[in-house]
Amino acid sequence: MAAPIKAQLFGHSFVSRLKDFIRHKDELNYRLGLQLGTMVQFNGFPGARARSLIGKMDFVADYTPEILVLLVGTNDLYKDVSVESIEEQICDIVYEALSNIKVAKVIVCQVLHRCEPKIRTRFPVDLHWFNARVDKLNASSDTTLKSRFPNRAFLWRMKGFWSPETKNKNFASDGCHLSDDGQFKLLSNIRAAIIAAHRQSLK
């Protein structure tokens, strides 16, 4: 990479939890191990849904990133609303970022499954119902982003979260948030996504 990168992570609690995780690991830094001069802004809002993030786009406008990484959709899918309406709201965020804020690239990270919790949780959910909605949103978003925002918005396929073995390793006991291993895996996915967007190698 010839030039430093200006990127922003924007979304629900995965962003704020990743920021806290990095803060407490001496071997990590907020530029995600990318080259000197790179700047990465973290704006995470626990419990945020797509509609509420639309109301927080000033955080993106104030920072004006080259690359915007969105982690959104998980909290929306808990509600009995159509996957299509959630996808439309995510596209509204992407449109605002690209058209009005003039972000160069937007990466929408795949929504992750939930796992069977090992402890009692505040918000239990039918896993089959929820994970089927996750799969539907991910599949549809991939096609929609390419169609509506060609070469400017992409779905990032999250590596290391889908097999029973990796789920057991990378998710916390609540079955929703990430373990330390999962945080490292999330960080590596986001780092790879930013590099791919910067190199124009996203497809």
C-alpha atoms as a PDB file:
ATOM      1  CA  MET A   1       0.000   0.000   0.000  1.00  0.00           C
ATOM      2  CA  ALA A   2       1.524   3.267  -1.110  1.00  0.00           C
ATOM      3  CA  ALA A   3      -0.490   5.679   0.988  1.00  0.00           C
ATOM      4  CA  PRO A   4      -1.965   5.721   4.494  1.00  0.00           C
ATOM      5  CA  ILE A   5      -5.635   4.853   4.834  1.00  0.00           C
ATOM      6  CA  LYS A   6      -8.412   6.812   6.526  1.00  0.00           C
ATOM      7  CA  ALA A   7     -11.102   4.347   7.576  1.00  0.00           C
ATOM      8  CA  GLN A   8     -14.065   4.309   9.938  1.00  0.00           C
ATOM      9  CA  LEU A   9     -15.852   1.468  11.721  1.00  0.00           C
ATOM     10  CA  PHE A  10     -19.504   2.356  12.241  1.00  0.00           C
ATOM     11  CA  GLY A  11     -22.271   0.247  13.703  1.00  0.00           C
ATOM     12  CA  HIS A  12     -23.605  -1.585  16.727  1.00  0.00           C
ATOM     13  CA  SER A  13     -21.883  -2.914  19.854  1.00  0.00           C
ATOM     14  CA  PHE A  14     -19.380  -5.053  17.938  1.00  0.00           C
ATOM     15  CA  VAL A  15     -17.568  -1.812  17.086  1.00  0.00           C
ATOM     16  CA  SER A  16     -17.456  -0.459  20.637  1.00  0.00           C
ATOM     17  CA  ARG A  17     -16.512  -3.874  22.047  1.00  0.00           C
ATOM     18  CA  LEU A  18     -13.698  -4.228  19.521  1.00  0.00           C
ATOM     19  CA  LYS A  19     -12.408  -0.778  20.485  1.00  0.00           C
ATOM     20  CA  ASP A  20     -12.405  -1.771  24.172  1.00  0.00           C
ATOM     21  CA  PHE A  21     -10.695  -5.064  23.321  1.00  0.00           C
ATOM     22  CA  ILE A  22      -7.892  -3.273  21.488  1.00  0.00           C
ATOM     23  CA  ARG A  23      -7.493  -0.821  24.354  1.00  0.00           C
ATOM     24  CA  HIS A  24      -6.634  -3.640  26.750  1.00  0.00           C
ATOM     25  CA  LYS A  25      -4.225  -5.526  24.478  1.00  0.00           C
ATOM     26  CA  ASP A  26      -0.688  -4.132  24.445  1.00  0.00           C
ATOM     27  CA  GLU A  27       0.116  -5.892  21.175  1.00  0.00           C
ATOM     28  CA  LEU A  28      -2.761  -4.208  19.301  1.00  0.00           C
ATOM     29  CA  ASN A  29      -3.325  -0.666  18.101  1.00  0.00           C
ATOM     30  CA  TYR A  30      -6.234   1.318  16.759  1.00  0.00           C
ATOM     31  CA  ARG A  31      -4.840   1.425  13.239  1.00  0.00           C
ATOM     32  CA  LEU A  32      -5.354  -2.361  13.146  1.00  0.00           C
ATOM     33  CA  GLY A  33      -1.722  -3.107  12.401  1.00  0.00           C
ATOM     34  CA  LEU A  34      -1.853  -1.161   9.147  1.00  0.00           C
ATOM     35  CA  GLN A  35       0.963   1.097   8.017  1.00  0.00           C
ATOM     36  CA  LEU A  36       2.037   4.210   9.877  1.00  0.00           C
ATOM     37  CA  GLY A  37      -0.110   7.209   9.070  1.00  0.00           C
ATOM     38  CA  THR A  38      -3.273   5.143   8.781  1.00  0.00           C
ATOM     39  CA  MET A  39      -6.176   6.464  10.844  1.00  0.00           C
ATOM     40  CA  VAL A  40      -9.135   4.350  11.949  1.00  0.00           C
ATOM     41  CA  GLN A  41     -12.110   5.861  13.747  1.00  0.00           C
ATOM     42  CA  PHE A  42     -14.385   3.639  15.897  1.00  0.00           C
ATOM     43  CA  ASN A  43     -18.031   4.674  16.350  1.00  0.00           C
ATOM     44  CA  GLY A  44     -20.086   1.907  17.925  1.00  0.00           C
ATOM     45  CA  PHE A  45     -23.534   2.254  19.482  1.00  0.00           C
ATOM     46  CA  PRO A  46     -24.744  -0.700  21.589  1.00  0.00           C
ATOM     47  CA  GLY A  47     -28.199  -1.848  20.530  1.00  0.00           C
ATOM     48  CA  ALA A  48     -28.130   0.260  17.373  1.00  0.00           C
ATOM     49  CA  ARG A  49     -30.332  -0.672  14.436  1.00  0.00           C
ATOM     50  CA  ALA A  50     -30.035   0.536  10.876  1.00  0.00           C
ATOM     51  CA  ARG A  51     -32.671   3.227  11.330  1.00  0.00           C
ATOM     52  CA  SER A  52     -30.944   4.671  14.397  1.00  0.00           C
ATOM     53  CA  LEU A  53     -27.585   4.679  12.613  1.00  0.00           C
ATOM     54  CA  ILE A  54     -29.075   6.761   9.806  1.00  0.00           C
ATOM     55  CA  GLY A  55     -29.639   9.410  12.478  1.00  0.00           C
ATOM     56  CA  LYS A  56     -25.970   9.254  13.492  1.00  0.00           C
ATOM     57  CA  MET A  57     -24.419   9.874  10.080  1.00  0.00           C
ATOM     58  CA  ASP A  58     -22.957  13.136  11.386  1.00  0.00           C
ATOM     59  CA  PHE A  59     -20.231  10.968  12.935  1.00  0.00           C
ATOM     60  CA  VAL A  60     -19.301   9.860   9.424  1.00  0.00           C
ATOM     61  CA  ALA A  61     -19.676  13.329   7.911  1.00  0.00           C
ATOM     62  CA  ASP A  62     -17.425  14.846  10.583  1.00  0.00           C
ATOM     63  CA  TYR A  63     -14.688  12.271  10.003  1.00  0.00           C
ATOM     64  CA  THR A  64     -15.027  11.908   6.185  1.00  0.00           C
ATOM     65  CA  PRO A  65     -13.345   8.508   5.811  1.00  0.00           C
ATOM     66  CA  GLU A  66     -11.996   7.086   2.602  1.00  0.00           C
ATOM     67  CA  ILE A  67     -13.414   3.684   3.584  1.00  0.00           C
ATOM     68  CA  LEU A  68     -16.471   3.083   5.764  1.00  0.00           C
ATOM     69  CA  VAL A  69     -16.936  -0.341   7.367  1.00  0.00           C
ATOM     70  CA  LEU A  70     -20.504  -1.026   8.517  1.00  0.00           C
ATOM     71  CA  LEU A  71     -21.444  -3.563  11.173  1.00  0.00           C
ATOM     72  CA  VAL A  72     -25.214  -3.419  11.184  1.00  0.00           C
ATOM     73  CA  GLY A  73     -28.275  -5.650  11.018  1.00  0.00           C
ATOM     74  CA  THR A  74     -27.976  -7.933  14.027  1.00  0.00           C
ATOM     75  CA  ASN A  75     -30.270  -5.915  16.269  1.00  0.00           C
ATOM     76  CA  ASP A  76     -32.747  -5.350  13.434  1.00  0.00           C
ATOM     77  CA  LEU A  77     -33.156  -9.077  12.818  1.00  0.00           C
ATOM     78  CA  TYR A  78     -34.370  -9.703  16.368  1.00  0.00           C
ATOM     79  CA  LYS A  79     -37.508  -7.744  15.534  1.00  0.00           C
ATOM     80  CA  ASP A  80     -40.343  -9.289  13.545  1.00  0.00           C
ATOM     81  CA  VAL A  81     -39.886  -6.980  10.582  1.00  0.00           C
ATOM     82  CA  SER A  82     -39.155  -8.044   7.035  1.00  0.00           C
ATOM     83  CA  VAL A  83     -35.607  -8.744   5.943  1.00  0.00           C
ATOM     84  CA  GLU A  84     -36.344  -6.614   2.881  1.00  0.00           C
ATOM     85  CA  SER A  85     -37.082  -3.541   5.007  1.00  0.00           C
ATOM     86  CA  ILE A  86     -33.851  -4.039   6.976  1.00  0.00           C
ATOM     87  CA  GLU A  87     -31.882  -4.321   3.761  1.00  0.00           C
ATOM     88  CA  GLU A  88     -33.486  -1.128   2.478  1.00  0.00           C
ATOM     89  CA  GLN A  89     -32.462   0.772   5.602  1.00  0.00           C
ATOM     90  CA  ILE A  90     -28.892  -0.492   5.283  1.00  0.00           C
ATOM     91  CA  CYS A  91     -28.891   0.729   1.691  1.00  0.00           C
ATOM     92  CA  ASP A  92     -30.050   4.125   2.957  1.00  0.00           C
ATOM     93  CA  ILE A  93     -26.903   4.320   5.114  1.00  0.00           C
ATOM     94  CA  VAL A  94     -24.740   3.314   2.164  1.00  0.00           C
ATOM     95  CA  TYR A  95     -26.398   5.858  -0.128  1.00  0.00           C
ATOM     96  CA  GLU A  96     -25.938   8.658   2.397  1.00  0.00           C
ATOM     97  CA  ALA A  97     -22.271   7.771   2.845  1.00  0.00           C
ATOM     98  CA  LEU A  98     -21.484   7.519  -0.859  1.00  0.00           C
ATOM     99  CA  SER A  99     -23.663  10.255  -2.326  1.00  0.00           C
ATOM    100  CA  ASN A 100     -23.813  12.955   0.324  1.00  0.00           C
ATOM    101  CA  ILE A 101     -20.693  12.419   2.444  1.00  0.00           C
ATOM    102  CA  LYS A 102     -18.578  11.334  -0.543  1.00  0.00           C
ATOM    103  CA  VAL A 103     -17.041   8.252   1.046  1.00  0.00           C
ATOM    104  CA  ALA A 104     -15.057   6.377  -1.609  1.00  0.00           C
ATOM    105  CA  LYS A 105     -15.893   2.796  -0.549  1.00  0.00           C
ATOM    106  CA  VAL A 106     -18.431   1.245   1.820  1.00  0.00           C
ATOM    107  CA  ILE A 107     -17.975  -2.278   3.154  1.00  0.00           C
ATOM    108  CA  VAL A 108     -20.991  -3.932   4.789  1.00  0.00           C
ATOM    109  CA  CYS A 109     -19.887  -6.847   6.959  1.00  0.00           C
ATOM    110  CA  GLN A 110     -21.975  -9.993   6.907  1.00  0.00           C
ATOM    111  CA  VAL A 111     -24.273 -10.374   9.898  1.00  0.00           C
ATOM    112  CA  LEU A 112     -23.166 -13.302  12.055  1.00  0.00           C
ATOM    113  CA  HIS A 113     -25.298 -16.164  13.306  1.00  0.00           C
ATOM    114  CA  ARG A 114     -26.222 -16.522  16.929  1.00  0.00           C
ATOM    115  CA  CYS A 115     -25.176 -19.643  18.814  1.00  0.00           C
ATOM    116  CA  GLU A 116     -26.751 -21.676  21.580  1.00  0.00           C
ATOM    117  CA  PRO A 117     -26.077 -19.690  24.781  1.00  0.00           C
ATOM    118  CA  LYS A 118     -24.289 -21.333  27.670  1.00  0.00           C
ATOM    119  CA  ILE A 119     -25.769 -18.890  30.178  1.00  0.00           C
ATOM    120  CA  ARG A 120     -29.164 -17.313  30.694  1.00  0.00           C
ATOM    121  CA  THR A 121     -29.562 -14.296  28.416  1.00  0.00           C
ATOM    122  CA  ARG A 122     -31.746 -11.195  28.595  1.00  0.00           C
ATOM    123  CA  PHE A 123     -32.945 -11.566  25.023  1.00  0.00           C
ATOM    124  CA  PRO A 124     -33.439 -15.219  24.102  1.00  0.00           C
ATOM    125  CA  VAL A 125     -34.259 -15.941  20.485  1.00  0.00           C
ATOM    126  CA  ASP A 126     -35.308 -18.877  18.323  1.00  0.00           C
ATOM    127  CA  LEU A 127     -31.943 -19.680  16.749  1.00  0.00           C
ATOM    128  CA  HIS A 128     -33.352 -21.417  13.671  1.00  0.00           C
ATOM    129  CA  TRP A 129     -35.610 -18.425  12.932  1.00  0.00           C
ATOM    130  CA  PHE A 130     -32.901 -15.858  13.599  1.00  0.00           C
ATOM    131  CA  ASN A 131     -30.100 -17.582  11.698  1.00  0.00           C
ATOM    132  CA  ALA A 132     -32.353 -18.188   8.695  1.00  0.00           C
ATOM    133  CA  ARG A 133     -33.020 -14.446   8.598  1.00  0.00           C
ATOM    134  CA  VAL A 134     -29.274 -13.787   8.843  1.00  0.00           C
ATOM    135  CA  ASP A 135     -28.633 -16.018   5.836  1.00  0.00           C
ATOM    136  CA  LYS A 136     -31.408 -14.367   3.838  1.00  0.00           C
ATOM    137  CA  LEU A 137     -30.135 -10.846   4.588  1.00  0.00           C
ATOM    138  CA  ASN A 138     -26.533 -11.724   3.770  1.00  0.00           C
ATOM    139  CA  ALA A 139     -27.431 -13.378   0.476  1.00  0.00           C
ATOM    140  CA  SER A 140     -29.735 -10.579  -0.618  1.00  0.00           C
ATOM    141  CA  SER A 141     -27.405  -7.775   0.461  1.00  0.00           C
ATOM    142  CA  ASP A 142     -24.562  -9.152  -1.631  1.00  0.00           C
ATOM    143  CA  THR A 143     -26.636  -8.890  -4.805  1.00  0.00           C
ATOM    144  CA  THR A 144     -28.294  -5.592  -3.930  1.00  0.00           C
ATOM    145  CA  LEU A 145     -25.101  -3.727  -3.039  1.00  0.00           C
ATOM    146  CA  LYS A 146     -23.413  -4.777  -6.272  1.00  0.00           C
ATOM    147  CA  SER A 147     -26.467  -3.762  -8.284  1.00  0.00           C
ATOM    148  CA  ARG A 148     -27.197  -0.397  -6.648  1.00  0.00           C
ATOM    149  CA  PHE A 149     -23.661   0.755  -5.899  1.00  0.00           C
ATOM    150  CA  PRO A 150     -21.380  -0.945  -8.443  1.00  0.00           C
ATOM    151  CA  ASN A 151     -17.693  -0.868  -7.513  1.00  0.00           C
ATOM    152  CA  ARG A 152     -18.422   1.352  -4.503  1.00  0.00           C
ATOM    153  CA  ALA A 153     -20.242  -0.809  -1.916  1.00  0.00           C
ATOM    154  CA  PHE A 154     -19.585  -4.452  -1.097  1.00  0.00           C
ATOM    155  CA  LEU A 155     -20.599  -7.213   1.282  1.00  0.00           C
ATOM    156  CA  TRP A 156     -17.602  -8.576   3.185  1.00  0.00           C
ATOM    157  CA  ARG A 157     -17.775 -12.321   3.779  1.00  0.00           C
ATOM    158  CA  MET A 158     -16.764 -12.858   7.392  1.00  0.00           C
ATOM    159  CA  LYS A 159     -14.203 -15.649   7.613  1.00  0.00           C
ATOM    160  CA  GLY A 160     -13.910 -17.948  10.615  1.00  0.00           C
ATOM    161  CA  PHE A 161     -17.383 -17.704  12.154  1.00  0.00           C
ATOM    162  CA  TRP A 162     -19.555 -20.320  10.454  1.00  0.00           C
ATOM    163  CA  SER A 163     -18.497 -23.879  11.270  1.00  0.00           C
ATOM    164  CA  PRO A 164     -19.548 -25.485  14.580  1.00  0.00           C
ATOM    165  CA  GLU A 165     -15.888 -25.543  15.659  1.00  0.00           C
ATOM    166  CA  THR A 166     -15.257 -21.864  14.984  1.00  0.00           C
ATOM    167  CA  LYS A 167     -18.581 -20.838  16.497  1.00  0.00           C
ATOM    168  CA  ASN A 168     -17.694 -22.640  19.703  1.00  0.00           C
ATOM    169  CA  LYS A 169     -14.318 -20.901  19.772  1.00  0.00           C
ATOM    170  CA  ASN A 170     -15.226 -17.401  18.648  1.00  0.00           C
ATOM    171  CA  PHE A 171     -18.490 -16.649  20.448  1.00  0.00           C
ATOM    172  CA  ALA A 172     -18.913 -15.682  24.095  1.00  0.00           C
ATOM    173  CA  SER A 173     -21.082 -17.648  26.510  1.00  0.00           C
ATOM    174  CA  ASP A 174     -24.154 -15.562  25.641  1.00  0.00           C
ATOM    175  CA  GLY A 175     -24.039 -16.945  22.088  1.00  0.00           C
ATOM    176  CA  CYS A 176     -24.237 -13.450  20.617  1.00  0.00           C
ATOM    177  CA  HIS A 177     -21.123 -11.439  21.417  1.00  0.00           C
ATOM    178  CA  LEU A 178     -17.561 -12.498  20.703  1.00  0.00           C
ATOM    179  CA  SER A 179     -14.925 -14.199  22.830  1.00  0.00           C
ATOM    180  CA  ASP A 180     -11.331 -12.970  22.828  1.00  0.00           C
ATOM    181  CA  ASP A 181     -10.630 -15.367  19.956  1.00  0.00           C
ATOM    182  CA  GLY A 182     -13.634 -13.953  18.146  1.00  0.00           C
ATOM    183  CA  GLN A 183     -12.411 -10.404  18.637  1.00  0.00           C
ATOM    184  CA  PHE A 184      -9.085 -11.302  17.062  1.00  0.00           C
ATOM    185  CA  LYS A 185     -10.953 -12.921  14.174  1.00  0.00           C
ATOM    186  CA  LEU A 186     -13.202  -9.866  13.756  1.00  0.00           C
ATOM    187  CA  LEU A 187     -10.169  -7.587  13.759  1.00  0.00           C
ATOM    188  CA  SER A 188      -8.440  -9.675  11.085  1.00  0.00           C
ATOM    189  CA  ASN A 189     -11.583  -9.623   8.922  1.00  0.00           C
ATOM    190  CA  ILE A 190     -11.918  -5.856   9.162  1.00  0.00           C
ATOM    191  CA  ARG A 191      -8.226  -5.328   8.494  1.00  0.00           C
ATOM    192  CA  ALA A 192      -8.425  -7.543   5.407  1.00  0.00           C
ATOM    193  CA  ALA A 193     -11.557  -5.755   4.198  1.00  0.00           C
ATOM    194  CA  ILE A 194      -9.923  -2.330   4.506  1.00  0.00           C
ATOM    195  CA  ILE A 195      -6.822  -3.495   2.654  1.00  0.00           C
ATOM    196  CA  ALA A 196      -8.936  -5.033  -0.127  1.00  0.00           C
ATOM    197  CA  ALA A 197     -10.974  -1.838  -0.519  1.00  0.00           C
ATOM    198  CA  HIS A 198      -7.842   0.291  -0.561  1.00  0.00           C
ATOM    199  CA  ARG A 199      -6.251  -1.916  -3.223  1.00  0.00           C
ATOM    200  CA  GLN A 200      -9.463  -1.889  -5.283  1.00  0.00           C
ATOM    201  CA  SER A 201      -9.533  -5.679  -5.072  1.00  0.00           C
ATOM    202  CA  LEU A 202     -13.040  -6.103  -3.673  1.00  0.00           C
ATOM    203  CA  LYS A 203     -15.465  -7.956  -5.944  1.00  0.00           C
END
